[in-house]
Structures are given as C-alpha cells and as structure tokens.
C-alpha cells in the first residue's frame, strides 16, 4: 500500500519517467499528481486532482523495479504488431 503524498516515479508512454505524488492507492491502479498540484491542493485545503496509472507502471523513487510484477507498456514495445486476419 502506497501512502498518500509519497513521491514515486511513473513510467510514461514512450518509456520516459516522471516524479509524481501519490493521491490514492486503489489496488491495481495508483492515482498520482504532479508536485505543483499536490502543493496547491494542500494550500487550498482540497484533495489533489490526479490521474490513474497501472500499478506496474509505478516505480518507487528509491528503486528501479516496478512495485508489482506484471506487463507494462515497455514490455511490449518490441513485439510485432498483429494485422487483421492474422
């Protein structure tokens, strides 16, 4: 279980990474937001707005491995694309 406010690294589409703050851990999905949104929400006394990432695409800030084993977007980038009728 990731605690609200923890800094994690999210694996983005295309293989890049971005530091994000945890808003909520919903099991297979982790809701995260940018640091700016997190700080603004704290100042305004509201919940941060975030976006859900698959748990397999969340990496602990001090770790290089996914929090949970499973397929991610990076795992399939070298696979050939199937064509209709194959």
C-alpha atoms as a PDB file:
ATOM      1  CA  UNK A   1       0.000   0.000   0.000  1.00  0.00           C
ATOM      2  CA  UNK A   2       1.440   3.352  -1.050  1.00  0.00           C
ATOM      3  CA  UNK A   3       0.753   6.188   1.354  1.00  0.00           C
ATOM      4  CA  UNK A   4      -0.776   9.441   0.171  1.00  0.00           C
ATOM      5  CA  UNK A   5       1.931  12.004  -0.520  1.00  0.00           C
ATOM      6  CA  UNK A   6       4.721   9.506  -1.235  1.00  0.00           C
ATOM      7  CA  UNK A   7       6.979  10.560  -4.093  1.00  0.00           C
ATOM      8  CA  UNK A   8       7.158   7.879  -6.784  1.00  0.00           C
ATOM      9  CA  UNK A   9       8.305   7.654 -10.369  1.00  0.00           C
ATOM     10  CA  UNK A  10       5.687   6.938 -13.024  1.00  0.00           C
ATOM     11  CA  UNK A  11       6.669   5.180 -16.239  1.00  0.00           C
ATOM     12  CA  UNK A  12       5.128   7.244 -19.024  1.00  0.00           C
ATOM     13  CA  UNK A  13       4.135   6.233 -22.533  1.00  0.00           C
ATOM     14  CA  UNK A  14       7.238   6.069 -24.696  1.00  0.00           C
ATOM     15  CA  UNK A  15       9.492   4.967 -21.841  1.00  0.00           C
ATOM     16  CA  UNK A  16      10.139   8.305 -20.131  1.00  0.00           C
ATOM     17  CA  UNK A  17       9.750   8.722 -16.368  1.00  0.00           C
ATOM     18  CA  UNK A  18       8.299  11.476 -14.184  1.00  0.00           C
ATOM     19  CA  UNK A  19       8.292  12.109 -10.429  1.00  0.00           C
ATOM     20  CA  UNK A  20       4.744  12.205  -9.049  1.00  0.00           C
ATOM     21  CA  UNK A  21       2.961  12.294  -5.670  1.00  0.00           C
ATOM     22  CA  UNK A  22       0.567   9.528  -4.666  1.00  0.00           C
ATOM     23  CA  UNK A  23      -3.025  10.735  -4.271  1.00  0.00           C
ATOM     24  CA  UNK A  24      -4.613   7.303  -3.679  1.00  0.00           C
ATOM     25  CA  UNK A  25      -3.702   3.646  -3.867  1.00  0.00           C
ATOM     26  CA  UNK A  26      -6.634   1.714  -5.325  1.00  0.00           C
ATOM     27  CA  UNK A  27      -5.001  -1.673  -5.701  1.00  0.00           C
ATOM     28  CA  UNK A  28      -4.253  -2.276  -9.360  1.00  0.00           C
ATOM     29  CA  UNK A  29      -4.402   1.489 -10.006  1.00  0.00           C
ATOM     30  CA  UNK A  30      -2.367   4.212  -8.294  1.00  0.00           C
ATOM     31  CA  UNK A  31      -3.682   7.775  -8.626  1.00  0.00           C
ATOM     32  CA  UNK A  32      -0.835  10.300  -8.841  1.00  0.00           C
ATOM     33  CA  UNK A  33      -0.385  14.017  -9.475  1.00  0.00           C
ATOM     34  CA  UNK A  34       2.408  16.495 -10.184  1.00  0.00           C
ATOM     35  CA  UNK A  35       4.196  18.159  -7.255  1.00  0.00           C
ATOM     36  CA  UNK A  36       2.715  21.553  -8.178  1.00  0.00           C
ATOM     37  CA  UNK A  37      -0.855  20.204  -7.992  1.00  0.00           C
ATOM     38  CA  UNK A  38      -0.129  18.449  -4.699  1.00  0.00           C
ATOM     39  CA  UNK A  39       1.262  21.616  -3.051  1.00  0.00           C
ATOM     40  CA  UNK A  40      -1.537  23.820  -4.432  1.00  0.00           C
ATOM     41  CA  UNK A  41      -4.201  21.420  -3.147  1.00  0.00           C
ATOM     42  CA  UNK A  42      -2.594  21.441   0.315  1.00  0.00           C
ATOM     43  CA  UNK A  43      -2.597  25.260   0.394  1.00  0.00           C
ATOM     44  CA  UNK A  44      -6.220  25.386  -0.791  1.00  0.00           C
ATOM     45  CA  UNK A  45      -7.380  22.687   1.631  1.00  0.00           C
ATOM     46  CA  UNK A  46      -8.659  20.301  -1.038  1.00  0.00           C
ATOM     47  CA  UNK A  47      -7.840  16.886  -2.426  1.00  0.00           C
ATOM     48  CA  UNK A  48      -5.305  16.921  -5.270  1.00  0.00           C
ATOM     49  CA  UNK A  49      -6.577  16.085  -8.755  1.00  0.00           C
ATOM     50  CA  UNK A  50      -4.723  13.145 -10.207  1.00  0.00           C
ATOM     51  CA  UNK A  51      -4.633  10.543 -12.908  1.00  0.00           C
ATOM     52  CA  UNK A  52      -4.602   6.769 -12.516  1.00  0.00           C
ATOM     53  CA  UNK A  53      -1.619   4.679 -13.550  1.00  0.00           C
ATOM     54  CA  UNK A  54      -1.451   0.885 -13.611  1.00  0.00           C
ATOM     55  CA  UNK A  55       0.465  -0.263 -10.521  1.00  0.00           C
ATOM     56  CA  UNK A  56       3.047  -1.966 -12.762  1.00  0.00           C
ATOM     57  CA  UNK A  57       3.990   1.460 -14.161  1.00  0.00           C
ATOM     58  CA  UNK A  58       4.738   2.985 -10.746  1.00  0.00           C
ATOM     59  CA  UNK A  59       8.343   2.768  -9.564  1.00  0.00           C
ATOM     60  CA  UNK A  60       9.416   3.672  -6.051  1.00  0.00           C
ATOM     61  CA  UNK A  61      11.649   6.763  -6.042  1.00  0.00           C
ATOM     62  CA  UNK A  62      14.488   4.775  -4.454  1.00  0.00           C
ATOM     63  CA  UNK A  63      14.032   1.685  -6.597  1.00  0.00           C
ATOM     64  CA  UNK A  64      14.281   0.831 -10.282  1.00  0.00           C
ATOM     65  CA  UNK A  65      11.861  -2.095 -10.245  1.00  0.00           C
ATOM     66  CA  UNK A  66       8.074  -1.861 -10.608  1.00  0.00           C
ATOM     67  CA  UNK A  67       6.145  -2.043  -7.338  1.00  0.00           C
ATOM     68  CA  UNK A  68       4.447  -5.188  -8.657  1.00  0.00           C
ATOM     69  CA  UNK A  69       5.394  -7.687 -11.322  1.00  0.00           C
ATOM     70  CA  UNK A  70       3.308  -7.695 -14.476  1.00  0.00           C
ATOM     71  CA  UNK A  71       3.288  -6.416 -18.047  1.00  0.00           C
ATOM     72  CA  UNK A  72       3.759  -2.739 -18.766  1.00  0.00           C
ATOM     73  CA  UNK A  73       3.866  -0.629 -21.913  1.00  0.00           C
ATOM     74  CA  UNK A  74       7.661  -1.091 -22.053  1.00  0.00           C
ATOM     75  CA  UNK A  75       7.341  -4.889 -22.038  1.00  0.00           C
ATOM     76  CA  UNK A  76       5.548  -4.911 -25.401  1.00  0.00           C
ATOM     77  CA  UNK A  77       7.293  -2.216 -27.420  1.00  0.00           C
ATOM     78  CA  UNK A  78       9.474  -4.643 -29.419  1.00  0.00           C
ATOM     79  CA  UNK A  79       6.707  -7.116 -30.221  1.00  0.00           C
ATOM     80  CA  UNK A  80       5.483  -7.114 -33.829  1.00  0.00           C
ATOM     81  CA  UNK A  81       2.062  -5.605 -34.326  1.00  0.00           C
ATOM     82  CA  UNK A  82      -0.564  -8.118 -35.409  1.00  0.00           C
ATOM     83  CA  UNK A  83      -2.567  -7.419 -38.546  1.00  0.00           C
ATOM     84  CA  UNK A  84      -6.261  -8.059 -39.067  1.00  0.00           C
ATOM     85  CA  UNK A  85      -6.781 -11.570 -40.323  1.00  0.00           C
ATOM     86  CA  UNK A  86      -3.542 -12.989 -38.828  1.00  0.00           C
END
